[in-house]
Amino acid sequence: MSTPLITPDLVAVDLVATDRDDATRQLIDLLYAAGRVTDADGFHADVRAREAQMATGMPGGIGLPHARSSHVTVPSLAVGKVPAGVDFGAPDGPATLVFLIAAPDAGDGDHLKILAALARRLVHESFRTSLKEAPDAATVAEIVTREVVPS
């Protein structure tokens, strides 16, 4: 993959969001600003449609919104640390870490590889803790790149 999956400009370390839709939109705005999404509203509609099928909250304070979309130019991951938490429908409560996976429509299952790799790491409390304690966006991006990016 020539374009990195995640870069520091795709990380929001102190995200304040009213609900899952607001959190997702703020992460989409990061992807749009970075040129990875061509139409923020269009991609938001695709993510909302996916969320309507099934909640994407995972145990351990994780939100995993994701979608394949014609508005995405390269496989990307935006991360938000939400200290106050936001409800993504997980059985154990609000998400304090939100991972937005954006994949091009024409992708060959890239988003599924990313989702699977991320899910394998997120079951480890040490991984979640390292992200929550990361002092800045660069550290979050570095941890995710090291631990998650499929090689």
Foldseek 3Di string as FASTA:
>chain_A
DPDDQEALLLEAEADEAPAPLRVVLVSLVSCVVVVQFQDSVQVSVQQVVVLVVDQQDEPPQEGEGEGAEQRGDAWHKHKYQHPVFHDRPYPVDGHRIYIYTYHHNPDPCVSVLQVVQVVVQVVDVVLVVQLNPDPGSRSNSVSCSVRGDDD
